[in-house]
N, C-alpha and C. Protein backbone atom coordinates (compact mmCIF):
# COMPACT_ATOMS: atom_id res chain seq x y z
N MET A 1 -21.12 -32.39 -159.16
CA MET A 1 -21.52 -32.51 -160.53
C MET A 1 -21.03 -31.29 -161.30
N THR A 2 -20.54 -31.49 -162.49
CA THR A 2 -20.02 -30.41 -163.31
C THR A 2 -21.15 -29.77 -164.11
N PRO A 3 -20.89 -28.60 -164.73
CA PRO A 3 -21.91 -27.97 -165.56
C PRO A 3 -22.36 -28.85 -166.72
N THR A 4 -21.56 -29.81 -167.12
CA THR A 4 -21.91 -30.70 -168.23
C THR A 4 -22.84 -31.81 -167.80
N GLY A 5 -23.08 -31.94 -166.49
CA GLY A 5 -23.97 -32.98 -166.01
C GLY A 5 -23.26 -34.27 -165.69
N VAL A 6 -21.94 -34.27 -165.72
CA VAL A 6 -21.17 -35.47 -165.45
C VAL A 6 -20.47 -35.29 -164.12
N SER A 7 -20.47 -36.31 -163.31
CA SER A 7 -19.88 -36.25 -161.99
C SER A 7 -18.43 -35.80 -162.04
N SER A 8 -18.04 -35.01 -161.03
CA SER A 8 -16.69 -34.47 -161.01
C SER A 8 -15.64 -35.49 -160.58
N CYS A 9 -16.05 -36.68 -160.14
CA CYS A 9 -15.04 -37.66 -159.73
C CYS A 9 -14.37 -38.31 -160.94
N CYS A 10 -14.91 -38.12 -162.10
CA CYS A 10 -14.32 -38.66 -163.33
C CYS A 10 -13.79 -37.49 -164.14
N ARG A 11 -12.67 -36.93 -163.78
CA ARG A 11 -12.19 -35.72 -164.41
C ARG A 11 -10.87 -35.86 -165.14
N PRO A 12 -10.52 -37.02 -165.67
CA PRO A 12 -9.26 -37.07 -166.41
C PRO A 12 -9.39 -36.24 -167.67
N VAL A 13 -8.37 -35.47 -167.98
CA VAL A 13 -8.38 -34.66 -169.19
C VAL A 13 -7.09 -34.92 -169.94
N TYR A 14 -7.23 -35.20 -171.22
CA TYR A 14 -6.07 -35.42 -172.06
C TYR A 14 -5.81 -34.14 -172.82
N SER A 15 -4.60 -33.68 -172.79
CA SER A 15 -4.27 -32.47 -173.53
C SER A 15 -2.82 -32.56 -173.99
N SER A 16 -2.59 -32.12 -175.19
CA SER A 16 -1.25 -32.01 -175.71
C SER A 16 -1.20 -30.72 -176.51
N SER A 17 -0.05 -30.39 -177.06
CA SER A 17 0.08 -29.14 -177.79
C SER A 17 -0.82 -29.10 -179.02
N SER A 18 -1.15 -30.26 -179.58
CA SER A 18 -1.95 -30.27 -180.80
C SER A 18 -3.39 -30.74 -180.60
N LEU A 19 -3.74 -31.21 -179.39
CA LEU A 19 -5.05 -31.81 -179.20
C LEU A 19 -5.53 -31.58 -177.77
N THR A 20 -6.75 -31.13 -177.64
CA THR A 20 -7.39 -31.05 -176.35
C THR A 20 -8.76 -31.68 -176.48
N ILE A 21 -9.02 -32.69 -175.67
CA ILE A 21 -10.31 -33.37 -175.70
C ILE A 21 -11.15 -32.79 -174.58
N PRO A 22 -12.38 -32.34 -174.89
CA PRO A 22 -13.21 -31.73 -173.86
C PRO A 22 -13.49 -32.67 -172.69
N LEU A 23 -13.67 -32.07 -171.53
CA LEU A 23 -13.91 -32.82 -170.30
C LEU A 23 -15.11 -33.74 -170.41
N VAL A 24 -16.18 -33.28 -171.04
CA VAL A 24 -17.39 -34.11 -171.12
C VAL A 24 -17.13 -35.39 -171.92
N VAL A 25 -16.32 -35.33 -172.97
CA VAL A 25 -16.01 -36.52 -173.77
C VAL A 25 -15.18 -37.50 -172.95
N VAL A 26 -14.17 -36.98 -172.27
CA VAL A 26 -13.31 -37.84 -171.45
C VAL A 26 -14.10 -38.42 -170.29
N SER A 27 -14.93 -37.61 -169.65
CA SER A 27 -15.69 -38.10 -168.50
C SER A 27 -16.68 -39.18 -168.92
N MET A 28 -17.39 -38.96 -170.01
CA MET A 28 -18.36 -39.97 -170.46
C MET A 28 -17.64 -41.25 -170.86
N SER A 29 -16.49 -41.11 -171.52
CA SER A 29 -15.77 -42.33 -171.90
C SER A 29 -15.26 -43.05 -170.66
N SER A 30 -14.85 -42.30 -169.63
CA SER A 30 -14.43 -42.93 -168.37
C SER A 30 -15.57 -43.69 -167.73
N ILE A 31 -16.75 -43.10 -167.79
CA ILE A 31 -17.92 -43.75 -167.21
C ILE A 31 -18.25 -45.03 -167.97
N LEU A 32 -18.26 -44.95 -169.29
CA LEU A 32 -18.65 -46.10 -170.11
C LEU A 32 -17.58 -47.18 -170.18
N MET A 33 -16.33 -46.82 -170.04
CA MET A 33 -15.26 -47.80 -170.22
C MET A 33 -14.87 -48.51 -168.91
N ASN A 34 -15.47 -48.13 -167.81
CA ASN A 34 -15.21 -48.81 -166.56
C ASN A 34 -15.87 -50.19 -166.61
N ARG A 35 -15.13 -51.22 -166.30
CA ARG A 35 -15.63 -52.59 -166.44
C ARG A 35 -16.86 -52.86 -165.58
N THR A 36 -16.82 -52.43 -164.33
CA THR A 36 -17.96 -52.68 -163.45
C THR A 36 -19.20 -51.94 -163.94
N ARG A 37 -19.04 -50.68 -164.34
CA ARG A 37 -20.20 -49.93 -164.83
C ARG A 37 -20.75 -50.54 -166.11
N SER A 38 -19.88 -51.02 -166.99
CA SER A 38 -20.34 -51.70 -168.20
C SER A 38 -21.14 -52.94 -167.85
N ARG A 39 -20.66 -53.69 -166.88
CA ARG A 39 -21.36 -54.90 -166.47
C ARG A 39 -22.72 -54.57 -165.85
N ILE A 40 -22.77 -53.48 -165.08
CA ILE A 40 -24.04 -53.06 -164.48
C ILE A 40 -25.05 -52.69 -165.57
N ILE A 41 -24.61 -51.92 -166.56
CA ILE A 41 -25.50 -51.54 -167.65
C ILE A 41 -26.00 -52.78 -168.39
N ARG A 42 -25.09 -53.70 -168.72
CA ARG A 42 -25.51 -54.93 -169.41
C ARG A 42 -26.49 -55.73 -168.57
N PHE A 43 -26.23 -55.82 -167.26
CA PHE A 43 -27.13 -56.55 -166.36
C PHE A 43 -28.52 -55.93 -166.39
N LEU A 44 -28.59 -54.60 -166.28
CA LEU A 44 -29.89 -53.92 -166.28
C LEU A 44 -30.62 -54.08 -167.61
N LEU A 45 -29.89 -54.01 -168.70
CA LEU A 45 -30.52 -54.19 -170.01
C LEU A 45 -31.08 -55.61 -170.17
N ARG A 46 -30.35 -56.57 -169.64
CA ARG A 46 -30.75 -57.98 -169.76
C ARG A 46 -31.87 -58.35 -168.79
N ASN A 47 -31.83 -57.82 -167.55
CA ASN A 47 -32.73 -58.26 -166.50
C ASN A 47 -33.84 -57.28 -166.13
N GLY A 48 -33.77 -56.07 -166.60
CA GLY A 48 -34.78 -55.08 -166.24
C GLY A 48 -34.50 -54.46 -164.89
N PRO A 49 -35.48 -53.72 -164.34
CA PRO A 49 -35.28 -53.02 -163.07
C PRO A 49 -34.77 -53.95 -161.98
N SER A 50 -33.74 -53.49 -161.27
CA SER A 50 -33.12 -54.31 -160.23
C SER A 50 -32.64 -53.42 -159.09
N THR A 51 -32.50 -54.02 -157.92
CA THR A 51 -31.97 -53.31 -156.76
C THR A 51 -30.46 -53.45 -156.70
N CYS A 52 -29.84 -52.64 -155.83
CA CYS A 52 -28.38 -52.74 -155.64
C CYS A 52 -27.98 -54.14 -155.18
N ASN A 53 -28.79 -54.71 -154.29
CA ASN A 53 -28.48 -56.06 -153.79
C ASN A 53 -28.54 -57.09 -154.90
N GLN A 54 -29.55 -57.03 -155.75
CA GLN A 54 -29.67 -57.98 -156.85
C GLN A 54 -28.49 -57.86 -157.82
N ILE A 55 -28.15 -56.63 -158.15
CA ILE A 55 -27.03 -56.41 -159.07
C ILE A 55 -25.73 -56.89 -158.44
N GLY A 56 -25.52 -56.53 -157.17
CA GLY A 56 -24.30 -56.93 -156.47
C GLY A 56 -24.15 -58.43 -156.37
N ARG A 57 -25.25 -59.11 -156.09
CA ARG A 57 -25.21 -60.57 -155.98
C ARG A 57 -24.79 -61.19 -157.30
N GLU A 58 -25.37 -60.72 -158.39
CA GLU A 58 -25.06 -61.27 -159.72
C GLU A 58 -23.62 -60.95 -160.15
N LEU A 59 -23.18 -59.74 -159.86
CA LEU A 59 -21.84 -59.32 -160.31
C LEU A 59 -20.75 -59.60 -159.28
N ARG A 60 -21.17 -60.16 -158.14
CA ARG A 60 -20.23 -60.43 -157.04
C ARG A 60 -19.50 -59.16 -156.61
N ALA A 61 -20.29 -58.13 -156.36
CA ALA A 61 -19.78 -56.85 -155.89
C ALA A 61 -20.61 -56.43 -154.69
N SER A 62 -20.04 -55.63 -153.81
CA SER A 62 -20.79 -55.19 -152.64
C SER A 62 -21.88 -54.20 -153.05
N PRO A 63 -23.00 -54.21 -152.33
CA PRO A 63 -24.06 -53.27 -152.65
C PRO A 63 -23.60 -51.81 -152.60
N SER A 64 -22.68 -51.48 -151.69
CA SER A 64 -22.20 -50.09 -151.61
C SER A 64 -21.38 -49.73 -152.85
N SER A 65 -20.61 -50.65 -153.36
CA SER A 65 -19.86 -50.41 -154.60
C SER A 65 -20.82 -50.23 -155.77
N VAL A 66 -21.81 -51.11 -155.84
CA VAL A 66 -22.81 -51.02 -156.91
C VAL A 66 -23.54 -49.69 -156.82
N ARG A 67 -23.91 -49.28 -155.61
CA ARG A 67 -24.62 -48.02 -155.40
C ARG A 67 -23.78 -46.84 -155.89
N ARG A 68 -22.49 -46.86 -155.62
CA ARG A 68 -21.58 -45.79 -156.06
C ARG A 68 -21.53 -45.72 -157.59
N HIS A 69 -21.41 -46.87 -158.24
CA HIS A 69 -21.38 -46.91 -159.70
C HIS A 69 -22.72 -46.47 -160.29
N LEU A 70 -23.81 -46.92 -159.68
CA LEU A 70 -25.14 -46.53 -160.16
C LEU A 70 -25.36 -45.03 -160.04
N SER A 71 -24.81 -44.44 -159.00
CA SER A 71 -24.93 -43.00 -158.82
C SER A 71 -24.27 -42.25 -159.98
N LEU A 72 -23.08 -42.69 -160.37
CA LEU A 72 -22.40 -42.07 -161.52
C LEU A 72 -23.17 -42.29 -162.81
N LEU A 73 -23.66 -43.50 -163.00
CA LEU A 73 -24.42 -43.81 -164.21
C LEU A 73 -25.71 -43.00 -164.26
N ARG A 74 -26.31 -42.79 -163.12
CA ARG A 74 -27.54 -42.01 -163.06
C ARG A 74 -27.27 -40.54 -163.36
N GLU A 75 -26.20 -39.99 -162.78
CA GLU A 75 -25.82 -38.60 -163.05
C GLU A 75 -25.51 -38.39 -164.53
N ALA A 76 -24.97 -39.40 -165.18
CA ALA A 76 -24.63 -39.31 -166.60
C ALA A 76 -25.86 -39.52 -167.49
N GLY A 77 -26.98 -39.93 -166.89
CA GLY A 77 -28.20 -40.14 -167.65
C GLY A 77 -28.32 -41.52 -168.28
N LEU A 78 -27.46 -42.45 -167.89
CA LEU A 78 -27.47 -43.79 -168.46
C LEU A 78 -28.40 -44.75 -167.73
N VAL A 79 -28.71 -44.43 -166.49
CA VAL A 79 -29.53 -45.30 -165.65
C VAL A 79 -30.61 -44.44 -165.00
N GLN A 80 -31.81 -45.01 -164.84
CA GLN A 80 -32.90 -44.33 -164.19
C GLN A 80 -33.26 -45.08 -162.91
N ARG A 81 -33.82 -44.34 -161.96
CA ARG A 81 -34.25 -44.98 -160.71
C ARG A 81 -35.75 -44.82 -160.58
N SER A 82 -36.40 -45.90 -160.17
CA SER A 82 -37.84 -45.87 -159.94
C SER A 82 -38.13 -46.68 -158.68
N SER A 83 -39.39 -46.80 -158.35
CA SER A 83 -39.76 -47.58 -157.17
C SER A 83 -39.39 -49.06 -157.33
N ALA A 84 -39.29 -49.51 -158.58
CA ALA A 84 -38.93 -50.92 -158.85
C ALA A 84 -37.43 -51.17 -158.78
N GLY A 85 -36.64 -50.12 -158.72
CA GLY A 85 -35.18 -50.27 -158.69
C GLY A 85 -34.55 -49.43 -159.78
N PHE A 86 -33.36 -49.81 -160.16
CA PHE A 86 -32.62 -49.10 -161.20
C PHE A 86 -32.86 -49.79 -162.53
N SER A 87 -32.89 -48.99 -163.61
CA SER A 87 -33.09 -49.58 -164.93
C SER A 87 -32.30 -48.78 -165.96
N ALA A 88 -32.13 -49.40 -167.12
CA ALA A 88 -31.47 -48.75 -168.26
C ALA A 88 -32.22 -49.15 -169.51
N SER A 89 -32.25 -48.26 -170.48
CA SER A 89 -32.89 -48.60 -171.75
C SER A 89 -31.83 -48.68 -172.84
N ALA A 90 -32.00 -49.62 -173.73
CA ALA A 90 -31.04 -49.79 -174.83
C ALA A 90 -30.97 -48.52 -175.67
N GLU A 91 -32.12 -47.87 -175.89
CA GLU A 91 -32.14 -46.64 -176.70
C GLU A 91 -31.38 -45.52 -176.00
N GLY A 92 -31.56 -45.40 -174.69
CA GLY A 92 -30.86 -44.36 -173.94
C GLY A 92 -29.35 -44.56 -173.94
N VAL A 93 -28.92 -45.79 -173.73
CA VAL A 93 -27.48 -46.09 -173.74
C VAL A 93 -26.91 -45.85 -175.13
N GLN A 94 -27.61 -46.31 -176.17
CA GLN A 94 -27.13 -46.12 -177.54
C GLN A 94 -27.06 -44.64 -177.88
N SER A 95 -28.02 -43.87 -177.42
CA SER A 95 -28.02 -42.43 -177.66
C SER A 95 -26.78 -41.78 -177.06
N HIS A 96 -26.44 -42.13 -175.82
CA HIS A 96 -25.24 -41.57 -175.17
C HIS A 96 -23.97 -42.00 -175.91
N ILE A 97 -23.93 -43.24 -176.34
CA ILE A 97 -22.75 -43.73 -177.06
C ILE A 97 -22.61 -43.01 -178.39
N SER A 98 -23.71 -42.77 -179.07
CA SER A 98 -23.67 -42.06 -180.36
C SER A 98 -23.16 -40.63 -180.19
N VAL A 99 -23.65 -39.95 -179.16
CA VAL A 99 -23.19 -38.58 -178.89
C VAL A 99 -21.70 -38.58 -178.56
N LEU A 100 -21.28 -39.53 -177.75
CA LEU A 100 -19.86 -39.63 -177.40
C LEU A 100 -19.02 -39.89 -178.64
N GLU A 101 -19.47 -40.81 -179.47
CA GLU A 101 -18.73 -41.14 -180.69
C GLU A 101 -18.62 -39.92 -181.61
N ALA A 102 -19.70 -39.20 -181.78
CA ALA A 102 -19.68 -38.01 -182.64
C ALA A 102 -18.74 -36.95 -182.08
N SER A 103 -18.81 -36.71 -180.77
CA SER A 103 -17.93 -35.73 -180.14
C SER A 103 -16.47 -36.12 -180.28
N PHE A 104 -16.21 -37.39 -180.08
CA PHE A 104 -14.84 -37.89 -180.15
C PHE A 104 -14.30 -37.76 -181.58
N GLN A 105 -15.11 -38.10 -182.57
CA GLN A 105 -14.67 -37.99 -183.96
C GLN A 105 -14.38 -36.55 -184.35
N ILE A 106 -15.22 -35.63 -183.89
CA ILE A 106 -15.00 -34.23 -184.22
C ILE A 106 -13.71 -33.73 -183.59
N MET A 107 -13.46 -34.11 -182.32
CA MET A 107 -12.30 -33.60 -181.59
C MET A 107 -11.01 -34.33 -181.97
N VAL A 108 -11.07 -35.61 -182.14
CA VAL A 108 -9.86 -36.39 -182.36
C VAL A 108 -9.55 -36.58 -183.83
N MET A 109 -10.58 -36.75 -184.63
CA MET A 109 -10.36 -37.01 -186.04
C MET A 109 -11.14 -35.98 -186.87
N PRO A 110 -10.70 -34.70 -186.83
CA PRO A 110 -11.42 -33.69 -187.60
C PRO A 110 -11.36 -34.03 -189.08
N PRO A 111 -12.39 -33.59 -189.83
CA PRO A 111 -12.40 -33.91 -191.25
C PRO A 111 -11.19 -33.29 -191.95
N SER A 112 -10.62 -34.03 -192.87
CA SER A 112 -9.49 -33.49 -193.60
C SER A 112 -10.00 -32.84 -194.88
N PHE A 113 -9.44 -31.73 -195.16
CA PHE A 113 -9.84 -30.99 -196.35
C PHE A 113 -8.76 -31.10 -197.40
N PRO A 114 -9.13 -31.29 -198.65
CA PRO A 114 -8.12 -31.37 -199.70
C PRO A 114 -7.41 -30.02 -199.85
N THR A 115 -6.14 -30.10 -200.11
CA THR A 115 -5.38 -28.85 -200.30
C THR A 115 -5.54 -28.39 -201.75
N PRO A 116 -5.73 -27.09 -201.95
CA PRO A 116 -5.90 -26.59 -203.31
C PRO A 116 -4.61 -26.76 -204.11
N MET A 117 -4.77 -27.08 -205.35
CA MET A 117 -3.61 -27.24 -206.22
C MET A 117 -3.17 -25.87 -206.71
N SER A 118 -1.90 -25.67 -206.78
CA SER A 118 -1.35 -24.37 -207.22
C SER A 118 -1.25 -24.32 -208.71
């Protein structure tokens, strides 16, 4: 796990001479944009607390694969684990998406300032 709280297995970093996107923004977007992880989050939001086996059966994925994805989602704060299984809240997911969107807009699309007239 990195100091940002995001698993180190998702470490793609985009950098060019004019733009550097922070690791946390890229890592969170990697977590959210993965198709299987998106499907897991949607499943949990729709069905409530579920086990790896239940999620795997519905998504036609192996429980070990689901467990690996859930681990990343949990480290990112998108999924919680309890005695009833894994769960996600719409407010929690929306909160993470909003933070990601704000970070991305600041880094990728900084506000443009009008140039003073001479």
